[in-house]
Amino acid sequence: MWYVKNYNELELDELEQILGLRQDIFILEQESFFRDIDGKDKDALHIFKKTDSDIRAYCRMEVSDKVLISRVVVNPKYRGNGKGRELFQQGVDYARKQYPEKQIQIVAMSYLLEFYESYGFKVISDEYDIAGHDHIDMALTP
């Protein structure tokens, strides 16, 4: 089942799983040494698929003058069966429905450029480094 929750609605077990999953993927697997817990989770929406008590896929959505989809992760146990695409589509659909007037942006790892372009995202920045990995900003205009 898909969930969209703000920080205060998250169960403690969900928050622990989300932060653990992000740490496992971004910091340990990708060897990206950066501050993942950045103070933005409190004001963000958290979109995730949970089966039983297991979070399978997750992303964070920050809403201001734009919608920023970030921290997109799929639990390694569930990779290879379309969960990443399903998750990202859920996030984009939710953002379009709830914030139709806002531009949707992502900070993408450069090697995933074609994946995000398949959703209609366009590059809006030069390539830059975050924790040893090339990234690019992309946007989907309403």
N, C-alpha and C. Protein backbone atom coordinates (compact mmCIF):
# COMPACT_ATOMS: atom_id res chain seq x y z
N MET A 1 0.84 -1.17 0.00
CA MET A 1 0.00 0.00 0.00
C MET A 1 0.89 1.25 0.00
N TRP A 2 0.46 2.27 -0.77
CA TRP A 2 1.19 3.53 -0.85
C TRP A 2 0.71 4.48 0.24
N TYR A 3 1.65 5.21 0.82
CA TYR A 3 1.35 6.18 1.87
C TYR A 3 1.97 7.52 1.52
N VAL A 4 1.27 8.58 1.89
CA VAL A 4 1.81 9.94 1.84
C VAL A 4 1.57 10.50 3.24
N LYS A 5 2.66 10.77 3.95
CA LYS A 5 2.54 11.25 5.32
C LYS A 5 3.46 12.44 5.54
N ASN A 6 3.00 13.36 6.41
CA ASN A 6 3.94 14.37 6.85
C ASN A 6 4.71 13.80 8.04
N TYR A 7 5.71 14.51 8.47
CA TYR A 7 6.63 14.03 9.50
C TYR A 7 5.90 13.59 10.76
N ASN A 8 4.94 14.39 11.21
CA ASN A 8 4.23 14.10 12.45
C ASN A 8 3.31 12.90 12.34
N GLU A 9 2.98 12.48 11.13
CA GLU A 9 2.12 11.31 10.94
C GLU A 9 2.91 10.01 10.87
N LEU A 10 4.20 10.10 10.67
CA LEU A 10 5.02 8.90 10.57
C LEU A 10 5.05 8.16 11.90
N GLU A 11 4.88 6.85 11.84
CA GLU A 11 5.08 6.02 13.02
C GLU A 11 6.58 5.95 13.28
N LEU A 12 6.96 5.77 14.53
CA LEU A 12 8.38 5.71 14.85
C LEU A 12 9.09 4.60 14.09
N ASP A 13 8.45 3.44 13.94
CA ASP A 13 9.06 2.34 13.18
C ASP A 13 9.25 2.73 11.71
N GLU A 14 8.30 3.47 11.15
CA GLU A 14 8.42 3.92 9.75
C GLU A 14 9.59 4.88 9.62
N LEU A 15 9.70 5.83 10.54
CA LEU A 15 10.80 6.81 10.49
C LEU A 15 12.14 6.10 10.61
N GLU A 16 12.24 5.14 11.52
CA GLU A 16 13.49 4.41 11.66
C GLU A 16 13.84 3.65 10.38
N GLN A 17 12.85 3.00 9.77
CA GLN A 17 13.10 2.28 8.52
C GLN A 17 13.51 3.22 7.39
N ILE A 18 12.82 4.36 7.29
CA ILE A 18 13.14 5.33 6.24
C ILE A 18 14.57 5.83 6.38
N LEU A 19 14.93 6.28 7.58
CA LEU A 19 16.28 6.80 7.79
C LEU A 19 17.32 5.71 7.61
N GLY A 20 17.01 4.48 8.06
CA GLY A 20 17.94 3.37 7.87
C GLY A 20 18.12 3.01 6.40
N LEU A 21 17.02 3.01 5.65
CA LEU A 21 17.08 2.72 4.22
C LEU A 21 17.91 3.77 3.49
N ARG A 22 17.66 5.04 3.81
CA ARG A 22 18.45 6.11 3.17
C ARG A 22 19.93 5.98 3.52
N GLN A 23 20.24 5.67 4.76
CA GLN A 23 21.63 5.49 5.17
C GLN A 23 22.26 4.30 4.43
N ASP A 24 21.52 3.18 4.39
CA ASP A 24 22.04 1.99 3.71
C ASP A 24 22.36 2.26 2.24
N ILE A 25 21.47 2.99 1.56
CA ILE A 25 21.65 3.21 0.13
C ILE A 25 22.64 4.34 -0.14
N PHE A 26 22.35 5.53 0.38
CA PHE A 26 23.15 6.70 0.02
C PHE A 26 24.54 6.69 0.64
N ILE A 27 24.64 6.35 1.90
CA ILE A 27 25.91 6.48 2.58
C ILE A 27 26.75 5.21 2.46
N LEU A 28 26.15 4.06 2.72
CA LEU A 28 26.93 2.82 2.69
C LEU A 28 27.10 2.25 1.28
N GLU A 29 25.98 2.01 0.57
CA GLU A 29 26.06 1.39 -0.76
C GLU A 29 26.74 2.32 -1.77
N GLN A 30 26.31 3.58 -1.81
CA GLN A 30 26.85 4.52 -2.80
C GLN A 30 28.10 5.24 -2.32
N GLU A 31 28.46 5.00 -1.07
CA GLU A 31 29.64 5.63 -0.48
C GLU A 31 29.60 7.15 -0.65
N SER A 32 28.43 7.72 -0.39
CA SER A 32 28.24 9.17 -0.47
C SER A 32 28.23 9.70 0.95
N PHE A 33 29.31 10.29 1.34
CA PHE A 33 29.43 10.77 2.71
C PHE A 33 28.93 12.21 2.79
N PHE A 34 27.66 12.33 3.16
CA PHE A 34 27.02 13.63 3.30
C PHE A 34 26.02 13.52 4.44
N ARG A 35 25.52 14.65 4.86
CA ARG A 35 24.56 14.68 5.97
C ARG A 35 23.16 14.43 5.43
N ASP A 36 22.71 13.19 5.48
CA ASP A 36 21.38 12.83 4.99
C ASP A 36 20.29 13.42 5.88
N ILE A 37 20.45 13.35 7.18
CA ILE A 37 19.48 13.94 8.09
C ILE A 37 19.82 15.43 8.15
N ASP A 38 19.11 16.19 7.32
CA ASP A 38 19.47 17.58 7.05
C ASP A 38 18.49 18.61 7.60
N GLY A 39 17.55 18.18 8.42
CA GLY A 39 16.57 19.11 8.99
C GLY A 39 15.38 19.40 8.09
N LYS A 40 15.35 18.82 6.89
CA LYS A 40 14.26 19.09 5.95
C LYS A 40 13.11 18.09 6.06
N ASP A 41 13.35 16.97 6.75
CA ASP A 41 12.31 15.95 6.86
C ASP A 41 11.07 16.44 7.60
N LYS A 42 11.25 17.32 8.57
CA LYS A 42 10.13 17.81 9.38
C LYS A 42 9.10 18.56 8.55
N ASP A 43 9.54 19.23 7.50
CA ASP A 43 8.64 20.04 6.67
C ASP A 43 8.27 19.36 5.36
N ALA A 44 8.70 18.13 5.19
CA ALA A 44 8.50 17.43 3.91
C ALA A 44 7.35 16.42 4.01
N LEU A 45 6.92 16.00 2.84
CA LEU A 45 6.00 14.86 2.74
C LEU A 45 6.85 13.63 2.47
N HIS A 46 6.39 12.51 2.98
CA HIS A 46 7.12 11.25 2.83
C HIS A 46 6.21 10.27 2.11
N ILE A 47 6.64 9.84 0.93
CA ILE A 47 5.85 8.94 0.10
C ILE A 47 6.55 7.59 0.09
N PHE A 48 5.81 6.54 0.44
CA PHE A 48 6.45 5.23 0.49
C PHE A 48 5.44 4.11 0.29
N LYS A 49 5.98 3.00 -0.18
CA LYS A 49 5.20 1.77 -0.32
C LYS A 49 5.61 0.85 0.81
N LYS A 50 4.59 0.38 1.52
CA LYS A 50 4.84 -0.50 2.66
C LYS A 50 3.97 -1.73 2.51
N THR A 51 4.58 -2.89 2.63
CA THR A 51 3.86 -4.16 2.62
C THR A 51 4.12 -4.80 3.97
N ASP A 52 3.04 -5.13 4.66
CA ASP A 52 3.15 -5.58 6.04
C ASP A 52 3.87 -4.48 6.80
N SER A 53 5.03 -4.74 7.34
CA SER A 53 5.75 -3.68 8.06
C SER A 53 7.03 -3.28 7.34
N ASP A 54 7.17 -3.70 6.09
CA ASP A 54 8.41 -3.51 5.35
C ASP A 54 8.27 -2.39 4.33
N ILE A 55 9.09 -1.35 4.45
CA ILE A 55 9.08 -0.26 3.46
C ILE A 55 9.89 -0.72 2.25
N ARG A 56 9.23 -0.73 1.08
CA ARG A 56 9.85 -1.23 -0.15
C ARG A 56 10.45 -0.13 -0.99
N ALA A 57 9.84 1.07 -0.98
CA ALA A 57 10.32 2.19 -1.79
C ALA A 57 9.92 3.48 -1.09
N TYR A 58 10.72 4.54 -1.29
CA TYR A 58 10.51 5.79 -0.54
C TYR A 58 11.04 6.98 -1.33
N CYS A 59 10.38 8.12 -1.17
CA CYS A 59 10.94 9.40 -1.61
C CYS A 59 10.41 10.51 -0.70
N ARG A 60 11.14 11.61 -0.70
CA ARG A 60 10.78 12.79 0.08
C ARG A 60 10.35 13.88 -0.87
N MET A 61 9.33 14.64 -0.48
CA MET A 61 8.82 15.73 -1.31
C MET A 61 8.79 17.01 -0.49
N GLU A 62 9.57 18.00 -0.96
CA GLU A 62 9.59 19.31 -0.31
C GLU A 62 8.79 20.27 -1.18
N VAL A 63 7.89 21.02 -0.54
CA VAL A 63 7.02 21.93 -1.27
C VAL A 63 7.29 23.36 -0.81
N SER A 64 7.62 24.23 -1.77
CA SER A 64 7.79 25.66 -1.53
C SER A 64 7.24 26.35 -2.76
N ASP A 65 8.01 27.20 -3.40
CA ASP A 65 7.58 27.79 -4.66
C ASP A 65 7.65 26.77 -5.80
N LYS A 66 8.25 25.61 -5.48
CA LYS A 66 8.34 24.48 -6.40
C LYS A 66 8.13 23.21 -5.59
N VAL A 67 8.08 22.08 -6.26
CA VAL A 67 8.02 20.78 -5.60
C VAL A 67 9.34 20.08 -5.91
N LEU A 68 10.06 19.70 -4.86
CA LEU A 68 11.34 19.00 -5.03
C LEU A 68 11.18 17.57 -4.56
N ILE A 69 11.36 16.63 -5.48
CA ILE A 69 11.33 15.21 -5.15
C ILE A 69 12.78 14.77 -4.95
N SER A 70 13.05 14.19 -3.78
CA SER A 70 14.42 13.81 -3.46
C SER A 70 14.44 12.52 -2.64
N ARG A 71 15.64 12.07 -2.33
CA ARG A 71 15.85 10.89 -1.52
C ARG A 71 15.07 9.68 -2.05
N VAL A 72 15.11 9.50 -3.35
CA VAL A 72 14.40 8.40 -4.01
C VAL A 72 15.20 7.12 -3.80
N VAL A 73 14.60 6.13 -3.11
CA VAL A 73 15.29 4.87 -2.85
C VAL A 73 14.33 3.69 -2.97
N VAL A 74 14.89 2.57 -3.39
CA VAL A 74 14.17 1.30 -3.40
C VAL A 74 14.96 0.33 -2.53
N ASN A 75 14.27 -0.31 -1.63
CA ASN A 75 14.87 -1.30 -0.77
C ASN A 75 15.55 -2.35 -1.65
N PRO A 76 16.82 -2.66 -1.41
CA PRO A 76 17.54 -3.62 -2.27
C PRO A 76 16.85 -4.97 -2.40
N LYS A 77 16.08 -5.37 -1.39
CA LYS A 77 15.37 -6.66 -1.46
C LYS A 77 14.29 -6.66 -2.53
N TYR A 78 13.87 -5.47 -2.99
CA TYR A 78 12.76 -5.38 -3.93
C TYR A 78 13.15 -4.73 -5.25
N ARG A 79 14.42 -4.65 -5.53
CA ARG A 79 14.87 -4.06 -6.78
C ARG A 79 14.64 -5.01 -7.95
N GLY A 80 14.55 -4.41 -9.14
CA GLY A 80 14.47 -5.21 -10.35
C GLY A 80 13.06 -5.61 -10.74
N ASN A 81 12.06 -5.09 -10.03
CA ASN A 81 10.69 -5.43 -10.39
C ASN A 81 9.82 -4.19 -10.62
N GLY A 82 10.47 -3.07 -10.97
CA GLY A 82 9.71 -1.87 -11.32
C GLY A 82 9.31 -0.98 -10.16
N LYS A 83 9.77 -1.28 -8.95
CA LYS A 83 9.38 -0.46 -7.79
C LYS A 83 9.90 0.97 -7.90
N GLY A 84 11.08 1.15 -8.50
CA GLY A 84 11.62 2.51 -8.68
C GLY A 84 10.73 3.33 -9.59
N ARG A 85 10.35 2.76 -10.70
CA ARG A 85 9.44 3.46 -11.63
C ARG A 85 8.09 3.73 -10.98
N GLU A 86 7.57 2.72 -10.29
CA GLU A 86 6.28 2.86 -9.63
C GLU A 86 6.34 3.98 -8.58
N LEU A 87 7.41 4.00 -7.79
CA LEU A 87 7.59 5.03 -6.77
C LEU A 87 7.66 6.41 -7.40
N PHE A 88 8.50 6.56 -8.41
CA PHE A 88 8.68 7.87 -9.00
C PHE A 88 7.38 8.35 -9.65
N GLN A 89 6.66 7.45 -10.29
CA GLN A 89 5.38 7.82 -10.90
C GLN A 89 4.39 8.26 -9.83
N GLN A 90 4.36 7.57 -8.70
CA GLN A 90 3.49 7.97 -7.58
C GLN A 90 3.81 9.39 -7.14
N GLY A 91 5.10 9.69 -6.98
CA GLY A 91 5.52 11.03 -6.55
C GLY A 91 5.13 12.10 -7.54
N VAL A 92 5.39 11.86 -8.81
CA VAL A 92 5.06 12.83 -9.86
C VAL A 92 3.55 13.03 -9.94
N ASP A 93 2.79 11.94 -9.92
CA ASP A 93 1.33 12.04 -9.99
C ASP A 93 0.77 12.82 -8.80
N TYR A 94 1.29 12.54 -7.62
CA TYR A 94 0.83 13.25 -6.42
C TYR A 94 1.14 14.74 -6.53
N ALA A 95 2.36 15.07 -6.94
CA ALA A 95 2.76 16.48 -7.06
C ALA A 95 1.89 17.20 -8.09
N ARG A 96 1.65 16.57 -9.24
CA ARG A 96 0.81 17.20 -10.27
C ARG A 96 -0.61 17.44 -9.78
N LYS A 97 -1.14 16.49 -9.04
CA LYS A 97 -2.52 16.60 -8.56
C LYS A 97 -2.64 17.65 -7.45
N GLN A 98 -1.74 17.62 -6.50
CA GLN A 98 -1.82 18.51 -5.34
C GLN A 98 -1.29 19.92 -5.62
N TYR A 99 -0.34 20.04 -6.52
CA TYR A 99 0.32 21.33 -6.77
C TYR A 99 0.43 21.57 -8.28
N PRO A 100 -0.70 21.65 -8.99
CA PRO A 100 -0.67 21.71 -10.45
C PRO A 100 0.02 22.96 -11.01
N GLU A 101 0.09 24.01 -10.21
CA GLU A 101 0.70 25.26 -10.69
C GLU A 101 2.21 25.31 -10.45
N LYS A 102 2.75 24.36 -9.73
CA LYS A 102 4.17 24.40 -9.36
C LYS A 102 5.03 23.54 -10.27
N GLN A 103 6.23 24.01 -10.48
CA GLN A 103 7.21 23.24 -11.23
C GLN A 103 7.73 22.12 -10.32
N ILE A 104 7.89 20.93 -10.88
CA ILE A 104 8.43 19.79 -10.15
C ILE A 104 9.91 19.66 -10.51
N GLN A 105 10.76 19.59 -9.50
CA GLN A 105 12.19 19.48 -9.74
C GLN A 105 12.76 18.26 -9.01
N ILE A 106 13.89 17.81 -9.52
CA ILE A 106 14.65 16.74 -8.89
C ILE A 106 16.13 17.06 -8.97
N VAL A 107 16.88 16.53 -8.03
CA VAL A 107 18.34 16.52 -8.09
C VAL A 107 18.68 15.08 -8.44
N ALA A 108 19.13 14.87 -9.66
CA ALA A 108 19.33 13.52 -10.17
C ALA A 108 20.80 13.17 -10.28
N MET A 109 21.10 11.91 -9.96
CA MET A 109 22.45 11.44 -10.28
C MET A 109 22.54 11.38 -11.80
N SER A 110 23.61 11.88 -12.35
CA SER A 110 23.74 12.03 -13.80
C SER A 110 23.52 10.74 -14.58
N TYR A 111 23.93 9.61 -14.03
CA TYR A 111 23.77 8.37 -14.78
C TYR A 111 22.30 7.97 -14.94
N LEU A 112 21.40 8.62 -14.20
CA LEU A 112 19.96 8.33 -14.31
C LEU A 112 19.23 9.33 -15.20
N LEU A 113 19.96 10.11 -15.96
CA LEU A 113 19.39 11.15 -16.81
C LEU A 113 18.28 10.60 -17.72
N GLU A 114 18.53 9.51 -18.41
CA GLU A 114 17.52 8.96 -19.33
C GLU A 114 16.27 8.48 -18.59
N PHE A 115 16.45 7.92 -17.41
CA PHE A 115 15.31 7.49 -16.60
C PHE A 115 14.37 8.66 -16.35
N TYR A 116 14.92 9.78 -15.88
CA TYR A 116 14.09 10.94 -15.56
C TYR A 116 13.57 11.64 -16.81
N GLU A 117 14.35 11.62 -17.88
CA GLU A 117 13.86 12.19 -19.15
C GLU A 117 12.64 11.42 -19.65
N SER A 118 12.56 10.13 -19.34
CA SER A 118 11.41 9.33 -19.79
C SER A 118 10.10 9.81 -19.15
N TYR A 119 10.20 10.59 -18.09
CA TYR A 119 9.02 11.19 -17.45
C TYR A 119 8.76 12.62 -17.92
N GLY A 120 9.61 13.10 -18.82
CA GLY A 120 9.44 14.46 -19.34
C GLY A 120 10.30 15.50 -18.65
N PHE A 121 11.18 15.10 -17.74
CA PHE A 121 12.05 16.06 -17.06
C PHE A 121 13.12 16.55 -18.01
N LYS A 122 13.47 17.81 -17.87
CA LYS A 122 14.51 18.45 -18.69
C LYS A 122 15.62 18.96 -17.78
N VAL A 123 16.84 18.92 -18.27
CA VAL A 123 18.01 19.40 -17.53
C VAL A 123 17.92 20.92 -17.38
N ILE A 124 18.17 21.42 -16.15
CA ILE A 124 18.14 22.88 -15.91
C ILE A 124 19.42 23.38 -15.26
N SER A 125 20.45 22.54 -15.18
CA SER A 125 21.71 22.98 -14.58
C SER A 125 22.87 22.29 -15.26
N ASP A 126 24.05 22.80 -14.99
CA ASP A 126 25.26 22.09 -15.37
C ASP A 126 25.46 20.94 -14.38
N GLU A 127 26.27 20.00 -14.76
CA GLU A 127 26.59 18.88 -13.88
C GLU A 127 27.45 19.38 -12.72
N TYR A 128 27.22 18.83 -11.52
CA TYR A 128 28.00 19.21 -10.35
C TYR A 128 28.16 17.99 -9.44
N ASP A 129 29.08 18.11 -8.51
CA ASP A 129 29.43 16.99 -7.64
C ASP A 129 28.74 17.11 -6.28
N ILE A 130 28.18 15.99 -5.82
CA ILE A 130 27.70 15.86 -4.45
C ILE A 130 28.33 14.58 -3.90
N ALA A 131 29.17 14.74 -2.91
CA ALA A 131 29.78 13.59 -2.22
C ALA A 131 30.44 12.60 -3.17
N GLY A 132 31.10 13.12 -4.21
CA GLY A 132 31.83 12.25 -5.13
C GLY A 132 31.02 11.67 -6.27
N HIS A 133 29.78 12.12 -6.44
CA HIS A 133 28.92 11.62 -7.51
C HIS A 133 28.39 12.80 -8.33
N ASP A 134 28.38 12.63 -9.66
CA ASP A 134 27.89 13.68 -10.55
C ASP A 134 26.37 13.74 -10.49
N HIS A 135 25.87 14.97 -10.35
CA HIS A 135 24.42 15.23 -10.28
C HIS A 135 24.04 16.32 -11.26
N ILE A 136 22.75 16.40 -11.51
CA ILE A 136 22.21 17.43 -12.40
C ILE A 136 20.79 17.77 -11.89
N ASP A 137 20.41 19.04 -12.00
CA ASP A 137 19.06 19.45 -11.63
C ASP A 137 18.19 19.31 -12.86
N MET A 138 16.96 18.81 -12.63
CA MET A 138 16.01 18.62 -13.72
C MET A 138 14.66 19.15 -13.29
N ALA A 139 13.83 19.53 -14.27
CA ALA A 139 12.51 20.09 -13.96
C ALA A 139 11.46 19.59 -14.92
N LEU A 140 10.25 19.50 -14.40
CA LEU A 140 9.06 19.16 -15.17
C LEU A 140 8.13 20.35 -15.02
N THR A 141 7.90 21.06 -16.10
CA THR A 141 7.08 22.26 -16.05
C THR A 141 5.61 21.88 -16.15
N PRO A 142 4.77 22.56 -15.33
CA PRO A 142 3.34 22.22 -15.37
C PRO A 142 2.71 22.43 -16.73
